[in-house]
Amino acid sequence: EDLRKAVAADVRRAARVLEHGLATS
């Protein structure tokens, strides 16, 4: 479960770059 949380958090950090764009990320 710790693995799940840690990996999901990293992927969502990367996904936020896609959601908000390079200019803001």
mmCIF file of all heavy atoms, coordinates in Angstrom:
data_MODEL
# 
_entry.id   MODEL 
# 
loop_
_atom_site.group_PDB 
_atom_site.id 
_atom_site.type_symbol 
_atom_site.label_atom_id 
_atom_site.label_alt_id 
_atom_site.label_comp_id 
_atom_site.label_asym_id 
_atom_site.label_entity_id 
_atom_site.label_seq_id 
_atom_site.pdbx_PDB_ins_code 
_atom_site.Cartn_x 
_atom_site.Cartn_y 
_atom_site.Cartn_z 
_atom_site.occupancy 
_atom_site.B_iso_or_equiv 
_atom_site.pdbx_formal_charge 
_atom_site.auth_seq_id 
_atom_site.auth_comp_id 
_atom_site.auth_asym_id 
_atom_site.auth_atom_id 
_atom_site.pdbx_PDB_model_num 
ATOM 1   N N   . GLU A 1 1  ? 0.820  -1.210 0.000   1.00 0.00 ? 1  GLU A N   1 
ATOM 2   C CA  . GLU A 1 1  ? 0.000  0.000  0.000   1.00 0.00 ? 1  GLU A CA  1 
ATOM 3   C C   . GLU A 1 1  ? 0.858  1.266  0.000   1.00 0.00 ? 1  GLU A C   1 
ATOM 4   O O   . GLU A 1 1  ? 0.498  2.272  -0.614  1.00 0.00 ? 1  GLU A O   1 
ATOM 5   C CB  . GLU A 1 1  ? -0.959 0.002  1.192   1.00 0.00 ? 1  GLU A CB  1 
ATOM 6   C CG  . GLU A 1 1  ? -2.188 -0.860 0.981   1.00 0.00 ? 1  GLU A CG  1 
ATOM 7   C CD  . GLU A 1 1  ? -2.939 -0.516 -0.304  1.00 0.00 ? 1  GLU A CD  1 
ATOM 8   O OE1 . GLU A 1 1  ? -3.167 0.682  -0.558  1.00 0.00 ? 1  GLU A OE1 1 
ATOM 9   O OE2 . GLU A 1 1  ? -3.290 -1.437 -1.057  1.00 0.00 ? 1  GLU A OE2 1 
ATOM 10  N N   . ASP A 1 2  ? 1.986  1.221  0.720   1.00 0.00 ? 2  ASP A N   1 
ATOM 11  C CA  . ASP A 1 2  ? 2.910  2.354  0.670   1.00 0.00 ? 2  ASP A CA  1 
ATOM 12  C C   . ASP A 1 2  ? 3.438  2.545  -0.750  1.00 0.00 ? 2  ASP A C   1 
ATOM 13  O O   . ASP A 1 2  ? 3.625  3.683  -1.212  1.00 0.00 ? 2  ASP A O   1 
ATOM 14  C CB  . ASP A 1 2  ? 4.080  2.129  1.625   1.00 0.00 ? 2  ASP A CB  1 
ATOM 15  C CG  . ASP A 1 2  ? 3.684  2.307  3.085   1.00 0.00 ? 2  ASP A CG  1 
ATOM 16  O OD1 . ASP A 1 2  ? 2.630  2.916  3.337   1.00 0.00 ? 2  ASP A OD1 1 
ATOM 17  O OD2 . ASP A 1 2  ? 4.424  1.810  3.966   1.00 0.00 ? 2  ASP A OD2 1 
ATOM 18  N N   . LEU A 1 3  ? 3.701  1.428  -1.426  1.00 0.00 ? 3  LEU A N   1 
ATOM 19  C CA  . LEU A 1 3  ? 4.159  1.491  -2.809  1.00 0.00 ? 3  LEU A CA  1 
ATOM 20  C C   . LEU A 1 3  ? 3.112  2.167  -3.682  1.00 0.00 ? 3  LEU A C   1 
ATOM 21  O O   . LEU A 1 3  ? 3.431  3.048  -4.489  1.00 0.00 ? 3  LEU A O   1 
ATOM 22  C CB  . LEU A 1 3  ? 4.456  0.083  -3.325  1.00 0.00 ? 3  LEU A CB  1 
ATOM 23  C CG  . LEU A 1 3  ? 4.851  -0.019 -4.806  1.00 0.00 ? 3  LEU A CG  1 
ATOM 24  C CD1 . LEU A 1 3  ? 6.203  0.635  -5.049  1.00 0.00 ? 3  LEU A CD1 1 
ATOM 25  C CD2 . LEU A 1 3  ? 4.877  -1.484 -5.260  1.00 0.00 ? 3  LEU A CD2 1 
ATOM 26  N N   . ARG A 1 4  ? 1.855  1.748  -3.523  1.00 0.00 ? 4  ARG A N   1 
ATOM 27  C CA  . ARG A 1 4  ? 0.781  2.334  -4.317  1.00 0.00 ? 4  ARG A CA  1 
ATOM 28  C C   . ARG A 1 4  ? 0.728  3.861  -4.136  1.00 0.00 ? 4  ARG A C   1 
ATOM 29  O O   . ARG A 1 4  ? 0.662  4.627  -5.108  1.00 0.00 ? 4  ARG A O   1 
ATOM 30  C CB  . ARG A 1 4  ? -0.562 1.725  -3.921  1.00 0.00 ? 4  ARG A CB  1 
ATOM 31  C CG  . ARG A 1 4  ? -1.741 2.203  -4.788  1.00 0.00 ? 4  ARG A CG  1 
ATOM 32  C CD  . ARG A 1 4  ? -3.075 2.005  -4.073  1.00 0.00 ? 4  ARG A CD  1 
ATOM 33  N NE  . ARG A 1 4  ? -3.271 0.637  -3.648  1.00 0.00 ? 4  ARG A NE  1 
ATOM 34  C CZ  . ARG A 1 4  ? -3.763 -0.335 -4.413  1.00 0.00 ? 4  ARG A CZ  1 
ATOM 35  N NH1 . ARG A 1 4  ? -4.087 -0.061 -5.661  1.00 0.00 ? 4  ARG A NH1 1 
ATOM 36  N NH2 . ARG A 1 4  ? -3.914 -1.553 -3.934  1.00 0.00 ? 4  ARG A NH2 1 
ATOM 37  N N   . LYS A 1 5  ? 0.751  4.298  -2.889  1.00 0.00 ? 5  LYS A N   1 
ATOM 38  C CA  . LYS A 1 5  ? 0.633  5.727  -2.603  1.00 0.00 ? 5  LYS A CA  1 
ATOM 39  C C   . LYS A 1 5  ? 1.809  6.512  -3.176  1.00 0.00 ? 5  LYS A C   1 
ATOM 40  O O   . LYS A 1 5  ? 1.634  7.585  -3.757  1.00 0.00 ? 5  LYS A O   1 
ATOM 41  C CB  . LYS A 1 5  ? 0.542  5.943  -1.097  1.00 0.00 ? 5  LYS A CB  1 
ATOM 42  C CG  . LYS A 1 5  ? -0.737 5.403  -0.464  1.00 0.00 ? 5  LYS A CG  1 
ATOM 43  C CD  . LYS A 1 5  ? -0.705 5.550  1.055   1.00 0.00 ? 5  LYS A CD  1 
ATOM 44  C CE  . LYS A 1 5  ? -1.941 4.942  1.696   1.00 0.00 ? 5  LYS A CE  1 
ATOM 45  N NZ  . LYS A 1 5  ? -1.874 5.006  3.189   1.00 0.00 ? 5  LYS A NZ  1 
ATOM 46  N N   . ALA A 1 6  ? 3.012  5.974  -3.010  1.00 0.00 ? 6  ALA A N   1 
ATOM 47  C CA  . ALA A 1 6  ? 4.206  6.687  -3.464  1.00 0.00 ? 6  ALA A CA  1 
ATOM 48  C C   . ALA A 1 6  ? 4.251  6.793  -4.987  1.00 0.00 ? 6  ALA A C   1 
ATOM 49  O O   . ALA A 1 6  ? 4.553  7.858  -5.543  1.00 0.00 ? 6  ALA A O   1 
ATOM 50  C CB  . ALA A 1 6  ? 5.456  5.990  -2.943  1.00 0.00 ? 6  ALA A CB  1 
ATOM 51  N N   . VAL A 1 7  ? 3.940  5.690  -5.669  1.00 0.00 ? 7  VAL A N   1 
ATOM 52  C CA  . VAL A 1 7  ? 3.981  5.687  -7.130  1.00 0.00 ? 7  VAL A CA  1 
ATOM 53  C C   . VAL A 1 7  ? 2.878  6.585  -7.692  1.00 0.00 ? 7  VAL A C   1 
ATOM 54  O O   . VAL A 1 7  ? 3.112  7.400  -8.599  1.00 0.00 ? 7  VAL A O   1 
ATOM 55  C CB  . VAL A 1 7  ? 3.855  4.253  -7.682  1.00 0.00 ? 7  VAL A CB  1 
ATOM 56  C CG1 . VAL A 1 7  ? 3.706  4.275  -9.204  1.00 0.00 ? 7  VAL A CG1 1 
ATOM 57  C CG2 . VAL A 1 7  ? 5.063  3.415  -7.278  1.00 0.00 ? 7  VAL A CG2 1 
ATOM 58  N N   . ALA A 1 8  ? 1.674  6.448  -7.158  1.00 0.00 ? 8  ALA A N   1 
ATOM 59  C CA  . ALA A 1 8  ? 0.559  7.271  -7.645  1.00 0.00 ? 8  ALA A CA  1 
ATOM 60  C C   . ALA A 1 8  ? 0.845  8.752  -7.459  1.00 0.00 ? 8  ALA A C   1 
ATOM 61  O O   . ALA A 1 8  ? 0.514  9.577  -8.318  1.00 0.00 ? 8  ALA A O   1 
ATOM 62  C CB  . ALA A 1 8  ? -0.725 6.880  -6.925  1.00 0.00 ? 8  ALA A CB  1 
ATOM 63  N N   . ALA A 1 9  ? 1.478  9.109  -6.356  1.00 0.00 ? 9  ALA A N   1 
ATOM 64  C CA  . ALA A 1 9  ? 1.799  10.513 -6.107  1.00 0.00 ? 9  ALA A CA  1 
ATOM 65  C C   . ALA A 1 9  ? 2.779  11.041 -7.158  1.00 0.00 ? 9  ALA A C   1 
ATOM 66  O O   . ALA A 1 9  ? 2.631  12.164 -7.660  1.00 0.00 ? 9  ALA A O   1 
ATOM 67  C CB  . ALA A 1 9  ? 2.381  10.683 -4.711  1.00 0.00 ? 9  ALA A CB  1 
ATOM 68  N N   . ASP A 1 10 ? 3.786  10.246 -7.498  1.00 0.00 ? 10 ASP A N   1 
ATOM 69  C CA  . ASP A 1 10 ? 4.760  10.674 -8.503  1.00 0.00 ? 10 ASP A CA  1 
ATOM 70  C C   . ASP A 1 10 ? 4.097  10.851 -9.870  1.00 0.00 ? 10 ASP A C   1 
ATOM 71  O O   . ASP A 1 10 ? 4.367  11.815 -10.599 1.00 0.00 ? 10 ASP A O   1 
ATOM 72  C CB  . ASP A 1 10 ? 5.888  9.651  -8.617  1.00 0.00 ? 10 ASP A CB  1 
ATOM 73  C CG  . ASP A 1 10 ? 6.939  9.818  -7.526  1.00 0.00 ? 10 ASP A CG  1 
ATOM 74  O OD1 . ASP A 1 10 ? 6.799  10.750 -6.711  1.00 0.00 ? 10 ASP A OD1 1 
ATOM 75  O OD2 . ASP A 1 10 ? 7.889  9.008  -7.491  1.00 0.00 ? 10 ASP A OD2 1 
ATOM 76  N N   . VAL A 1 11 ? 3.248  9.890  -10.233 1.00 0.00 ? 11 VAL A N   1 
ATOM 77  C CA  . VAL A 1 11 ? 2.596  9.953  -11.541 1.00 0.00 ? 11 VAL A CA  1 
ATOM 78  C C   . VAL A 1 11 ? 1.673  11.166 -11.626 1.00 0.00 ? 11 VAL A C   1 
ATOM 79  O O   . VAL A 1 11 ? 1.615  11.856 -12.654 1.00 0.00 ? 11 VAL A O   1 
ATOM 80  C CB  . VAL A 1 11 ? 1.815  8.650  -11.826 1.00 0.00 ? 11 VAL A CB  1 
ATOM 81  C CG1 . VAL A 1 11 ? 1.014  8.766  -13.119 1.00 0.00 ? 11 VAL A CG1 1 
ATOM 82  C CG2 . VAL A 1 11 ? 2.774  7.470  -11.913 1.00 0.00 ? 11 VAL A CG2 1 
ATOM 83  N N   . ARG A 1 12 ? 0.992  11.458 -10.547 1.00 0.00 ? 12 ARG A N   1 
ATOM 84  C CA  . ARG A 1 12 ? 0.099  12.619 -10.554 1.00 0.00 ? 12 ARG A CA  1 
ATOM 85  C C   . ARG A 1 12 ? 0.870  13.932 -10.595 1.00 0.00 ? 12 ARG A C   1 
ATOM 86  O O   . ARG A 1 12 ? 0.392  14.921 -11.160 1.00 0.00 ? 12 ARG A O   1 
ATOM 87  C CB  . ARG A 1 12 ? -0.857 12.545 -9.358  1.00 0.00 ? 12 ARG A CB  1 
ATOM 88  C CG  . ARG A 1 12 ? -2.061 11.677 -9.683  1.00 0.00 ? 12 ARG A CG  1 
ATOM 89  C CD  . ARG A 1 12 ? -2.755 11.078 -8.486  1.00 0.00 ? 12 ARG A CD  1 
ATOM 90  N NE  . ARG A 1 12 ? -3.930 10.347 -8.930  1.00 0.00 ? 12 ARG A NE  1 
ATOM 91  C CZ  . ARG A 1 12 ? -3.897 9.147  -9.525  1.00 0.00 ? 12 ARG A CZ  1 
ATOM 92  N NH1 . ARG A 1 12 ? -2.728 8.563  -9.753  1.00 0.00 ? 12 ARG A NH1 1 
ATOM 93  N NH2 . ARG A 1 12 ? -5.016 8.549  -9.900  1.00 0.00 ? 12 ARG A NH2 1 
ATOM 94  N N   . ARG A 1 13 ? 2.036  13.962 -10.022 1.00 0.00 ? 13 ARG A N   1 
ATOM 95  C CA  . ARG A 1 13 ? 2.881  15.158 -10.167 1.00 0.00 ? 13 ARG A CA  1 
ATOM 96  C C   . ARG A 1 13 ? 3.215  15.382 -11.638 1.00 0.00 ? 13 ARG A C   1 
ATOM 97  O O   . ARG A 1 13 ? 3.162  16.513 -12.146 1.00 0.00 ? 13 ARG A O   1 
ATOM 98  C CB  . ARG A 1 13 ? 4.157  15.007 -9.362  1.00 0.00 ? 13 ARG A CB  1 
ATOM 99  C CG  . ARG A 1 13 ? 4.008  15.236 -7.863  1.00 0.00 ? 13 ARG A CG  1 
ATOM 100 C CD  . ARG A 1 13 ? 5.359  15.174 -7.187  1.00 0.00 ? 13 ARG A CD  1 
ATOM 101 N NE  . ARG A 1 13 ? 6.265  16.175 -7.728  1.00 0.00 ? 13 ARG A NE  1 
ATOM 102 C CZ  . ARG A 1 13 ? 7.593  16.098 -7.650  1.00 0.00 ? 13 ARG A CZ  1 
ATOM 103 N NH1 . ARG A 1 13 ? 8.178  15.056 -7.082  1.00 0.00 ? 13 ARG A NH1 1 
ATOM 104 N NH2 . ARG A 1 13 ? 8.342  17.057 -8.148  1.00 0.00 ? 13 ARG A NH2 1 
ATOM 105 N N   . ALA A 1 14 ? 3.569  14.308 -12.326 1.00 0.00 ? 14 ALA A N   1 
ATOM 106 C CA  . ALA A 1 14 ? 3.876  14.418 -13.755 1.00 0.00 ? 14 ALA A CA  1 
ATOM 107 C C   . ALA A 1 14 ? 2.627  14.805 -14.541 1.00 0.00 ? 14 ALA A C   1 
ATOM 108 O O   . ALA A 1 14 ? 2.695  15.611 -15.481 1.00 0.00 ? 14 ALA A O   1 
ATOM 109 C CB  . ALA A 1 14 ? 4.439  13.098 -14.269 1.00 0.00 ? 14 ALA A CB  1 
ATOM 110 N N   . ALA A 1 15 ? 1.491  14.240 -14.163 1.00 0.00 ? 15 ALA A N   1 
ATOM 111 C CA  . ALA A 1 15 ? 0.246  14.532 -14.876 1.00 0.00 ? 15 ALA A CA  1 
ATOM 112 C C   . ALA A 1 15 ? -0.154 15.996 -14.744 1.00 0.00 ? 15 ALA A C   1 
ATOM 113 O O   . ALA A 1 15 ? -0.763 16.569 -15.654 1.00 0.00 ? 15 ALA A O   1 
ATOM 114 C CB  . ALA A 1 15 ? -0.876 13.631 -14.366 1.00 0.00 ? 15 ALA A CB  1 
ATOM 115 N N   . ARG A 1 16 ? 0.192  16.621 -13.629 1.00 0.00 ? 16 ARG A N   1 
ATOM 116 C CA  . ARG A 1 16 ? -0.152 18.032 -13.445 1.00 0.00 ? 16 ARG A CA  1 
ATOM 117 C C   . ARG A 1 16 ? 0.569  18.918 -14.461 1.00 0.00 ? 16 ARG A C   1 
ATOM 118 O O   . ARG A 1 16 ? 0.058  19.976 -14.845 1.00 0.00 ? 16 ARG A O   1 
ATOM 119 C CB  . ARG A 1 16 ? 0.179  18.478 -12.014 1.00 0.00 ? 16 ARG A CB  1 
ATOM 120 C CG  . ARG A 1 16 ? -0.864 18.023 -11.001 1.00 0.00 ? 16 ARG A CG  1 
ATOM 121 C CD  . ARG A 1 16 ? -0.739 18.806 -9.703  1.00 0.00 ? 16 ARG A CD  1 
ATOM 122 N NE  . ARG A 1 16 ? 0.486  18.508 -8.976  1.00 0.00 ? 16 ARG A NE  1 
ATOM 123 C CZ  . ARG A 1 16 ? 0.615  17.506 -8.103  1.00 0.00 ? 16 ARG A CZ  1 
ATOM 124 N NH1 . ARG A 1 16 ? -0.425 16.714 -7.840  1.00 0.00 ? 16 ARG A NH1 1 
ATOM 125 N NH2 . ARG A 1 16 ? 1.760  17.301 -7.480  1.00 0.00 ? 16 ARG A NH2 1 
ATOM 126 N N   . VAL A 1 17 ? 1.758  18.495 -14.896 1.00 0.00 ? 17 VAL A N   1 
ATOM 127 C CA  . VAL A 1 17 ? 2.459  19.237 -15.948 1.00 0.00 ? 17 VAL A CA  1 
ATOM 128 C C   . VAL A 1 17 ? 1.623  19.231 -17.226 1.00 0.00 ? 17 VAL A C   1 
ATOM 129 O O   . VAL A 1 17 ? 1.523  20.239 -17.937 1.00 0.00 ? 17 VAL A O   1 
ATOM 130 C CB  . VAL A 1 17 ? 3.856  18.636 -16.208 1.00 0.00 ? 17 VAL A CB  1 
ATOM 131 C CG1 . VAL A 1 17 ? 4.541  19.341 -17.373 1.00 0.00 ? 17 VAL A CG1 1 
ATOM 132 C CG2 . VAL A 1 17 ? 4.711  18.720 -14.953 1.00 0.00 ? 17 VAL A CG2 1 
ATOM 133 N N   . LEU A 1 18 ? 0.993  18.073 -17.524 1.00 0.00 ? 18 LEU A N   1 
ATOM 134 C CA  . LEU A 1 18 ? 0.151  17.978 -18.718 1.00 0.00 ? 18 LEU A CA  1 
ATOM 135 C C   . LEU A 1 18 ? -1.120 18.807 -18.553 1.00 0.00 ? 18 LEU A C   1 
ATOM 136 O O   . LEU A 1 18 ? -1.603 19.418 -19.509 1.00 0.00 ? 18 LEU A O   1 
ATOM 137 C CB  . LEU A 1 18 ? -0.217 16.523 -19.003 1.00 0.00 ? 18 LEU A CB  1 
ATOM 138 C CG  . LEU A 1 18 ? 0.936  15.523 -19.148 1.00 0.00 ? 18 LEU A CG  1 
ATOM 139 C CD1 . LEU A 1 18 ? 0.408  14.181 -19.617 1.00 0.00 ? 18 LEU A CD1 1 
ATOM 140 C CD2 . LEU A 1 18 ? 1.989  16.048 -20.091 1.00 0.00 ? 18 LEU A CD2 1 
ATOM 141 N N   . GLU A 1 19 ? -1.664 18.813 -17.359 1.00 0.00 ? 19 GLU A N   1 
ATOM 142 C CA  . GLU A 1 19 ? -2.918 19.536 -17.131 1.00 0.00 ? 19 GLU A CA  1 
ATOM 143 C C   . GLU A 1 19 ? -2.737 21.043 -17.184 1.00 0.00 ? 19 GLU A C   1 
ATOM 144 O O   . GLU A 1 19 ? -3.600 21.762 -17.689 1.00 0.00 ? 19 GLU A O   1 
ATOM 145 C CB  . GLU A 1 19 ? -3.503 19.126 -15.779 1.00 0.00 ? 19 GLU A CB  1 
ATOM 146 C CG  . GLU A 1 19 ? -4.025 17.697 -15.741 1.00 0.00 ? 19 GLU A CG  1 
ATOM 147 C CD  . GLU A 1 19 ? -4.480 17.285 -14.348 1.00 0.00 ? 19 GLU A CD  1 
ATOM 148 O OE1 . GLU A 1 19 ? -3.859 17.752 -13.370 1.00 0.00 ? 19 GLU A OE1 1 
ATOM 149 O OE2 . GLU A 1 19 ? -5.448 16.524 -14.256 1.00 0.00 ? 19 GLU A OE2 1 
ATOM 150 N N   . HIS A 1 20 ? -1.610 21.521 -16.681 1.00 0.00 ? 20 HIS A N   1 
ATOM 151 C CA  . HIS A 1 20 ? -1.423 22.976 -16.549 1.00 0.00 ? 20 HIS A CA  1 
ATOM 152 C C   . HIS A 1 20 ? -0.451 23.557 -17.567 1.00 0.00 ? 20 HIS A C   1 
ATOM 153 O O   . HIS A 1 20 ? -0.408 24.783 -17.721 1.00 0.00 ? 20 HIS A O   1 
ATOM 154 C CB  . HIS A 1 20 ? -0.948 23.307 -15.130 1.00 0.00 ? 20 HIS A CB  1 
ATOM 155 C CG  . HIS A 1 20 ? -1.871 22.826 -14.072 1.00 0.00 ? 20 HIS A CG  1 
ATOM 156 N ND1 . HIS A 1 20 ? -3.183 23.244 -13.970 1.00 0.00 ? 20 HIS A ND1 1 
ATOM 157 C CD2 . HIS A 1 20 ? -1.700 21.925 -13.060 1.00 0.00 ? 20 HIS A CD2 1 
ATOM 158 C CE1 . HIS A 1 20 ? -3.778 22.651 -12.948 1.00 0.00 ? 20 HIS A CE1 1 
ATOM 159 N NE2 . HIS A 1 20 ? -2.896 21.846 -12.375 1.00 0.00 ? 20 HIS A NE2 1 
ATOM 160 N N   . GLY A 1 21 ? 0.327  22.703 -18.222 1.00 0.00 ? 21 GLY A N   1 
ATOM 161 C CA  . GLY A 1 21 ? 1.229  23.191 -19.244 1.00 0.00 ? 21 GLY A CA  1 
ATOM 162 C C   . GLY A 1 21 ? 2.620  23.514 -18.720 1.00 0.00 ? 21 GLY A C   1 
ATOM 163 O O   . GLY A 1 21 ? 2.809  23.776 -17.537 1.00 0.00 ? 21 GLY A O   1 
ATOM 164 N N   . LEU A 1 22 ? 3.597  23.483 -19.618 1.00 0.00 ? 22 LEU A N   1 
ATOM 165 C CA  . LEU A 1 22 ? 4.980  23.720 -19.232 1.00 0.00 ? 22 LEU A CA  1 
ATOM 166 C C   . LEU A 1 22 ? 5.189  25.132 -18.679 1.00 0.00 ? 22 LEU A C   1 
ATOM 167 O O   . LEU A 1 22 ? 5.981  25.334 -17.764 1.00 0.00 ? 22 LEU A O   1 
ATOM 168 C CB  . LEU A 1 22 ? 5.899  23.520 -20.442 1.00 0.00 ? 22 LEU A CB  1 
ATOM 169 C CG  . LEU A 1 22 ? 6.097  22.077 -20.933 1.00 0.00 ? 22 LEU A CG  1 
ATOM 170 C CD1 . LEU A 1 22 ? 6.939  22.076 -22.212 1.00 0.00 ? 22 LEU A CD1 1 
ATOM 171 C CD2 . LEU A 1 22 ? 6.778  21.234 -19.868 1.00 0.00 ? 22 LEU A CD2 1 
ATOM 172 N N   . ALA A 1 23 ? 4.466  26.080 -19.228 1.00 0.00 ? 23 ALA A N   1 
ATOM 173 C CA  . ALA A 1 23 ? 4.687  27.474 -18.831 1.00 0.00 ? 23 ALA A CA  1 
ATOM 174 C C   . ALA A 1 23 ? 4.421  27.690 -17.350 1.00 0.00 ? 23 ALA A C   1 
ATOM 175 O O   . ALA A 1 23 ? 5.069  28.522 -16.710 1.00 0.00 ? 23 ALA A O   1 
ATOM 176 C CB  . ALA A 1 23 ? 3.812  28.398 -19.659 1.00 0.00 ? 23 ALA A CB  1 
ATOM 177 N N   . THR A 1 24 ? 3.459  26.953 -16.790 1.00 0.00 ? 24 THR A N   1 
ATOM 178 C CA  . THR A 1 24 ? 3.113  27.136 -15.380 1.00 0.00 ? 24 THR A CA  1 
ATOM 179 C C   . THR A 1 24 ? 3.722  26.093 -14.481 1.00 0.00 ? 24 THR A C   1 
ATOM 180 O O   . THR A 1 24 ? 3.651  26.209 -13.251 1.00 0.00 ? 24 THR A O   1 
ATOM 181 C CB  . THR A 1 24 ? 1.579  27.107 -15.207 1.00 0.00 ? 24 THR A CB  1 
ATOM 182 O OG1 . THR A 1 24 ? 1.086  25.845 -15.692 1.00 0.00 ? 24 THR A OG1 1 
ATOM 183 C CG2 . THR A 1 24 ? 0.923  28.236 -15.964 1.00 0.00 ? 24 THR A CG2 1 
ATOM 184 N N   . SER A 1 25 ? 4.326  25.037 -15.069 1.00 0.00 ? 25 SER A N   1 
ATOM 185 C CA  . SER A 1 25 ? 4.813  23.913 -14.255 1.00 0.00 ? 25 SER A CA  1 
ATOM 186 C C   . SER A 1 25 ? 6.327  23.836 -14.161 1.00 0.00 ? 25 SER A C   1 
ATOM 187 O O   . SER A 1 25 ? 6.872  23.303 -13.200 1.00 0.00 ? 25 SER A O   1 
ATOM 188 C CB  . SER A 1 25 ? 4.284  22.577 -14.817 1.00 0.00 ? 25 SER A CB  1 
ATOM 189 O OG  . SER A 1 25 ? 2.870  22.575 -14.846 1.00 0.00 ? 25 SER A OG  1 
# 
